N, C-alpha and C. Protein backbone atom coordinates (compact mmCIF):
# COMPACT_ATOMS: atom_id res chain seq x y z
N MET A 1 32.88 -37.22 18.41
CA MET A 1 31.62 -37.60 18.61
C MET A 1 30.78 -36.82 17.56
N ALA A 2 29.92 -37.69 16.74
CA ALA A 2 29.18 -37.11 15.62
C ALA A 2 27.91 -36.43 16.16
N ARG A 3 27.60 -35.40 15.48
CA ARG A 3 26.37 -34.64 15.90
C ARG A 3 25.09 -35.37 15.12
N PRO A 4 24.01 -35.37 15.86
CA PRO A 4 22.80 -35.85 15.21
C PRO A 4 22.17 -35.08 14.22
N GLY A 5 21.63 -35.60 13.29
CA GLY A 5 21.00 -34.91 12.11
C GLY A 5 21.82 -35.10 10.82
N LEU A 6 21.99 -34.19 10.08
CA LEU A 6 22.72 -34.38 8.67
C LEU A 6 24.11 -34.59 9.01
N GLN A 7 24.63 -35.71 8.56
CA GLN A 7 26.00 -36.12 8.80
C GLN A 7 27.07 -35.61 7.68
N THR A 8 26.56 -35.58 6.39
CA THR A 8 27.43 -35.34 5.35
C THR A 8 26.79 -34.12 4.46
N PRO A 9 27.63 -33.55 3.76
CA PRO A 9 27.10 -32.49 2.87
C PRO A 9 26.26 -33.12 1.79
N ARG A 10 26.38 -34.40 1.42
CA ARG A 10 25.60 -35.00 0.46
C ARG A 10 24.08 -35.16 1.08
N ALA A 11 24.02 -35.50 2.24
CA ALA A 11 22.60 -35.60 2.95
C ALA A 11 22.02 -34.25 2.86
N ALA A 12 22.79 -33.23 3.13
CA ALA A 12 22.14 -31.86 3.20
C ALA A 12 21.72 -31.54 1.83
N LEU A 13 22.34 -31.89 0.74
CA LEU A 13 21.87 -31.46 -0.64
C LEU A 13 20.62 -32.28 -1.07
N GLN A 14 20.24 -33.40 -0.37
CA GLN A 14 18.95 -34.08 -0.66
C GLN A 14 17.89 -33.24 -0.45
N PHE A 15 17.87 -32.20 0.61
CA PHE A 15 16.80 -31.49 0.91
C PHE A 15 16.74 -30.13 0.19
N LEU A 16 17.68 -29.82 -0.63
CA LEU A 16 17.78 -28.57 -1.31
C LEU A 16 16.72 -28.41 -2.26
N PRO A 17 16.24 -29.46 -3.15
CA PRO A 17 15.28 -29.20 -4.06
C PRO A 17 13.94 -28.98 -3.34
N SER A 18 13.57 -29.52 -2.21
CA SER A 18 12.32 -29.39 -1.46
C SER A 18 12.39 -27.95 -0.98
N LEU A 19 13.49 -27.55 -0.40
CA LEU A 19 13.57 -26.26 0.17
C LEU A 19 13.32 -25.12 -0.81
N LEU A 20 13.94 -25.21 -2.09
CA LEU A 20 13.82 -24.33 -3.03
C LEU A 20 12.39 -24.28 -3.59
N LEU A 21 11.62 -25.39 -3.66
CA LEU A 21 10.28 -25.48 -3.98
C LEU A 21 9.45 -24.62 -2.99
N VAL A 22 9.61 -24.89 -1.63
CA VAL A 22 8.89 -24.29 -0.66
C VAL A 22 9.07 -22.63 -0.78
N VAL A 23 10.31 -22.27 -0.91
CA VAL A 23 10.63 -20.85 -0.96
C VAL A 23 10.03 -20.20 -2.28
N MET A 24 9.97 -20.90 -3.38
CA MET A 24 9.40 -20.35 -4.55
C MET A 24 7.79 -20.22 -4.41
N VAL A 25 7.25 -21.16 -3.77
CA VAL A 25 5.75 -21.02 -3.60
C VAL A 25 5.44 -20.02 -2.70
N LEU A 26 6.18 -19.85 -1.51
CA LEU A 26 5.90 -18.68 -0.64
C LEU A 26 6.15 -17.34 -1.35
N ALA A 27 7.18 -17.24 -2.16
CA ALA A 27 7.52 -15.99 -2.84
C ALA A 27 6.36 -15.62 -3.79
N MET A 28 5.73 -16.60 -4.53
CA MET A 28 4.70 -16.30 -5.33
C MET A 28 3.41 -15.90 -4.64
N ALA A 29 3.26 -16.57 -3.49
CA ALA A 29 1.93 -16.35 -2.74
C ALA A 29 2.01 -15.13 -1.90
N ALA A 30 3.17 -14.49 -1.55
CA ALA A 30 3.30 -13.35 -0.70
C ALA A 30 2.55 -12.10 -1.23
N PRO A 31 2.70 -11.73 -2.41
CA PRO A 31 1.92 -10.47 -2.96
C PRO A 31 0.47 -10.69 -2.73
N ALA A 32 -0.10 -11.91 -3.08
CA ALA A 32 -1.63 -11.98 -3.01
C ALA A 32 -1.96 -12.07 -1.51
N MET A 33 -1.25 -12.55 -0.57
CA MET A 33 -1.66 -12.61 0.80
C MET A 33 -1.57 -11.19 1.44
N GLY A 34 -0.45 -10.49 0.97
CA GLY A 34 -0.23 -9.20 1.82
C GLY A 34 -1.04 -8.03 1.28
N ALA A 35 -1.44 -8.11 -0.02
CA ALA A 35 -2.13 -6.96 -0.61
C ALA A 35 -3.43 -6.77 -0.23
N PRO A 36 -4.04 -5.71 0.40
CA PRO A 36 -5.46 -5.63 0.72
C PRO A 36 -6.18 -5.45 -0.61
N ARG A 37 -7.44 -5.97 -0.56
CA ARG A 37 -8.25 -5.99 -1.72
C ARG A 37 -9.36 -4.98 -1.79
N SER A 38 -9.49 -4.28 -2.90
CA SER A 38 -10.68 -3.38 -2.90
C SER A 38 -11.52 -3.72 -4.15
N LEU A 39 -12.89 -3.47 -3.99
CA LEU A 39 -13.85 -3.75 -5.07
C LEU A 39 -14.50 -2.40 -5.47
N PRO A 40 -14.13 -1.75 -6.49
CA PRO A 40 -14.85 -0.45 -6.79
C PRO A 40 -16.28 -0.76 -7.39
N ASP A 41 -17.19 0.17 -7.06
CA ASP A 41 -18.55 0.01 -7.76
C ASP A 41 -18.91 1.36 -8.10
N GLN A 42 -19.25 1.67 -9.41
CA GLN A 42 -19.66 2.84 -9.95
C GLN A 42 -21.19 2.96 -10.28
N SER A 43 -21.97 2.07 -9.64
CA SER A 43 -23.45 1.97 -10.13
C SER A 43 -24.25 3.04 -9.59
N ILE A 44 -23.91 3.65 -8.61
CA ILE A 44 -24.68 4.92 -7.91
C ILE A 44 -24.23 6.13 -8.50
N ARG A 45 -25.15 6.97 -9.10
CA ARG A 45 -24.62 8.22 -9.68
C ARG A 45 -25.19 9.54 -9.12
N SER A 46 -25.94 9.43 -8.10
CA SER A 46 -26.61 10.66 -7.60
C SER A 46 -26.60 10.70 -6.00
N TYR A 47 -27.01 11.88 -5.56
CA TYR A 47 -26.98 12.08 -4.08
C TYR A 47 -28.34 12.53 -3.62
N ILE A 48 -28.72 12.15 -2.42
CA ILE A 48 -29.88 12.56 -1.83
C ILE A 48 -29.94 14.15 -1.51
N SER A 49 -28.87 14.48 -0.90
CA SER A 49 -28.63 16.02 -0.59
C SER A 49 -27.28 16.56 -1.06
N GLN A 50 -27.15 17.89 -1.20
CA GLN A 50 -25.88 18.26 -1.58
C GLN A 50 -25.05 18.87 -0.26
N ARG A 51 -24.57 17.83 0.41
CA ARG A 51 -23.78 18.16 1.54
C ARG A 51 -22.59 17.26 1.59
N ALA A 52 -21.50 17.70 2.45
CA ALA A 52 -20.36 16.87 2.73
C ALA A 52 -20.52 16.09 3.98
N CYS A 53 -19.96 14.85 3.86
CA CYS A 53 -19.98 13.92 5.04
C CYS A 53 -18.89 14.32 5.96
N TRP A 54 -19.04 13.97 7.31
CA TRP A 54 -17.88 13.96 8.20
C TRP A 54 -17.19 12.68 8.10
N TRP A 55 -15.98 12.61 8.66
CA TRP A 55 -15.26 11.39 8.71
C TRP A 55 -16.06 10.44 9.61
N ASN A 56 -16.09 9.08 8.97
CA ASN A 56 -16.73 7.95 9.61
C ASN A 56 -18.30 8.13 9.54
N GLU A 57 -18.82 9.08 8.90
CA GLU A 57 -20.24 9.25 8.77
C GLU A 57 -20.78 8.26 7.64
N LEU A 58 -22.00 7.94 7.86
CA LEU A 58 -22.61 6.97 6.84
C LEU A 58 -22.83 7.76 5.64
N CYS A 59 -22.25 7.33 4.50
CA CYS A 59 -22.39 8.04 3.15
C CYS A 59 -23.37 7.24 2.26
N LYS A 60 -23.67 6.05 2.57
CA LYS A 60 -24.55 5.24 1.75
C LYS A 60 -25.15 4.15 2.55
N GLU A 61 -26.57 4.18 2.68
CA GLU A 61 -27.18 3.03 3.43
C GLU A 61 -27.42 1.82 2.52
N GLU A 62 -27.52 0.70 3.11
CA GLU A 62 -27.61 -0.60 2.45
C GLU A 62 -29.02 -0.61 1.61
N PHE A 63 -28.92 -0.99 0.32
CA PHE A 63 -29.98 -1.13 -0.52
C PHE A 63 -30.70 0.17 -0.98
N GLN A 64 -29.94 1.33 -0.68
CA GLN A 64 -30.40 2.64 -1.13
C GLN A 64 -29.87 3.00 -2.49
N PRO A 65 -30.56 3.60 -3.44
CA PRO A 65 -29.99 3.84 -4.78
C PRO A 65 -29.30 5.22 -4.86
N MET A 66 -29.13 5.94 -3.66
CA MET A 66 -28.50 7.26 -3.85
C MET A 66 -27.49 7.38 -2.48
N PHE A 67 -26.41 8.19 -2.78
CA PHE A 67 -25.57 8.59 -1.62
C PHE A 67 -26.21 9.52 -0.69
N LYS A 68 -26.06 9.40 0.66
CA LYS A 68 -26.59 10.42 1.51
C LYS A 68 -25.77 11.69 1.53
N CYS A 69 -24.46 11.62 1.21
CA CYS A 69 -23.73 12.80 1.23
C CYS A 69 -22.26 12.50 0.46
N ARG A 70 -21.58 13.48 0.33
CA ARG A 70 -20.26 13.32 -0.47
C ARG A 70 -19.14 13.24 0.50
N CYS A 71 -18.31 12.23 0.49
CA CYS A 71 -17.14 12.12 1.31
C CYS A 71 -15.99 13.06 0.91
N PRO A 72 -15.42 13.66 1.85
CA PRO A 72 -14.29 14.72 1.55
C PRO A 72 -13.26 14.14 0.66
N LYS A 73 -12.42 14.96 0.13
CA LYS A 73 -11.23 14.66 -0.71
C LYS A 73 -10.33 13.70 0.10
N PHE A 74 -9.73 12.81 -0.47
CA PHE A 74 -8.82 11.84 0.11
C PHE A 74 -9.61 10.85 1.06
N SER A 75 -10.82 10.71 0.97
CA SER A 75 -11.62 9.69 1.59
C SER A 75 -12.42 8.93 0.68
N TYR A 76 -12.87 7.63 1.18
CA TYR A 76 -13.54 6.69 0.26
C TYR A 76 -14.85 6.37 0.94
N CYS A 77 -15.88 6.15 0.26
CA CYS A 77 -17.15 5.69 0.78
C CYS A 77 -17.05 4.23 0.79
N ARG A 78 -16.62 3.36 1.78
CA ARG A 78 -16.33 2.12 1.75
C ARG A 78 -17.13 1.32 2.84
N SER A 79 -17.41 -0.06 2.53
CA SER A 79 -18.18 -0.90 3.36
C SER A 79 -17.52 -2.22 3.42
N PRO A 80 -17.78 -3.14 4.25
CA PRO A 80 -17.22 -4.46 4.21
C PRO A 80 -17.68 -5.31 3.11
N GLY A 81 -18.85 -4.93 2.49
CA GLY A 81 -19.47 -5.72 1.35
C GLY A 81 -20.42 -4.92 0.66
N LYS A 82 -21.00 -5.41 -0.39
CA LYS A 82 -22.02 -4.64 -1.19
C LYS A 82 -23.25 -4.47 -0.47
N TYR A 83 -23.75 -5.28 0.38
CA TYR A 83 -25.02 -5.12 0.94
C TYR A 83 -24.78 -4.77 2.49
N TYR A 84 -23.92 -3.86 2.77
CA TYR A 84 -23.73 -3.14 4.20
C TYR A 84 -23.84 -1.66 3.92
N ASN A 85 -23.97 -1.08 5.13
CA ASN A 85 -23.85 0.42 5.19
C ASN A 85 -22.42 0.77 4.82
N ALA A 86 -22.30 1.90 4.10
CA ALA A 86 -20.91 2.40 3.86
C ALA A 86 -20.69 3.71 4.61
N ARG A 87 -19.43 3.84 5.05
CA ARG A 87 -18.91 5.11 5.87
C ARG A 87 -17.72 5.66 5.08
N CYS A 88 -17.47 7.05 5.35
CA CYS A 88 -16.37 7.69 4.77
C CYS A 88 -15.17 7.30 5.65
N ALA A 89 -14.11 6.79 4.95
CA ALA A 89 -12.96 6.39 5.49
C ALA A 89 -11.74 6.68 4.63
N MET A 90 -10.59 6.78 5.16
CA MET A 90 -9.32 7.05 4.51
C MET A 90 -8.73 5.71 3.91
N SER A 91 -9.23 4.47 4.36
CA SER A 91 -8.72 3.23 3.94
C SER A 91 -9.42 2.88 2.68
N SER A 92 -8.71 2.39 1.66
CA SER A 92 -9.34 2.06 0.29
C SER A 92 -9.37 0.56 0.19
N THR A 93 -9.62 -0.13 1.30
CA THR A 93 -9.91 -1.57 1.18
C THR A 93 -11.35 -1.89 1.34
N GLY A 94 -11.76 -3.05 0.95
CA GLY A 94 -13.30 -3.45 1.20
C GLY A 94 -13.97 -3.17 -0.10
N TYR A 95 -15.21 -2.89 0.02
CA TYR A 95 -16.10 -2.48 -1.14
C TYR A 95 -16.18 -0.99 -1.18
N ILE A 96 -15.64 -0.42 -2.28
CA ILE A 96 -15.54 1.02 -2.54
C ILE A 96 -16.68 1.46 -3.48
N TRP A 97 -17.45 2.31 -2.88
CA TRP A 97 -18.42 3.06 -3.72
C TRP A 97 -17.88 4.28 -4.24
N MET A 98 -17.72 4.24 -5.59
CA MET A 98 -17.15 5.43 -6.24
C MET A 98 -18.22 6.56 -6.40
N GLN A 99 -17.82 7.67 -5.74
CA GLN A 99 -18.77 8.71 -5.82
C GLN A 99 -18.54 9.63 -6.97
N PRO A 100 -19.55 9.95 -7.75
CA PRO A 100 -19.36 10.95 -8.97
C PRO A 100 -18.93 12.30 -8.56
N GLU A 101 -18.18 12.92 -9.37
CA GLU A 101 -17.68 14.36 -9.06
C GLU A 101 -18.81 15.27 -8.98
N THR A 102 -18.68 16.20 -8.13
CA THR A 102 -19.74 17.35 -8.00
C THR A 102 -19.04 18.64 -8.31
N ARG A 103 -19.99 19.64 -8.31
CA ARG A 103 -19.55 20.95 -8.63
C ARG A 103 -19.73 21.79 -7.38
N TRP A 104 -19.68 21.20 -6.26
CA TRP A 104 -19.89 21.85 -4.99
C TRP A 104 -18.54 22.32 -4.64
N SER A 105 -18.38 23.61 -4.42
CA SER A 105 -17.08 24.27 -4.11
C SER A 105 -16.37 23.86 -2.90
N LEU A 106 -17.09 23.54 -1.88
CA LEU A 106 -16.48 23.25 -0.51
C LEU A 106 -15.92 21.84 -0.58
N LEU A 107 -16.20 20.97 -1.52
CA LEU A 107 -15.64 19.61 -1.50
C LEU A 107 -14.56 19.31 -2.29
N SER A 108 -14.20 20.18 -3.21
CA SER A 108 -13.09 19.93 -4.17
C SER A 108 -11.73 20.37 -3.63
């Protein structure tokens, strides 16, 4: 008794080009879909006060021209977009506000 579906090797080979095309498209799209995206912004160059932020503290308020505080080393001042409040976090995804280097001894 014959099984339903592909009966001969020749019938199976008819689907091979379509299968290869799908695999190639998925392989090319995988890096773009899997990689988190970050957008760095260096437009703000000064601070309101000379102090260090705590983790998850607000480091920049929306529409303000200066940082509230400096994020610790290995942290980023990040927000979901340009016009949102930014907080100190270890994740480098989203909108990253690049903070200028300081000469404050406790932060380096």
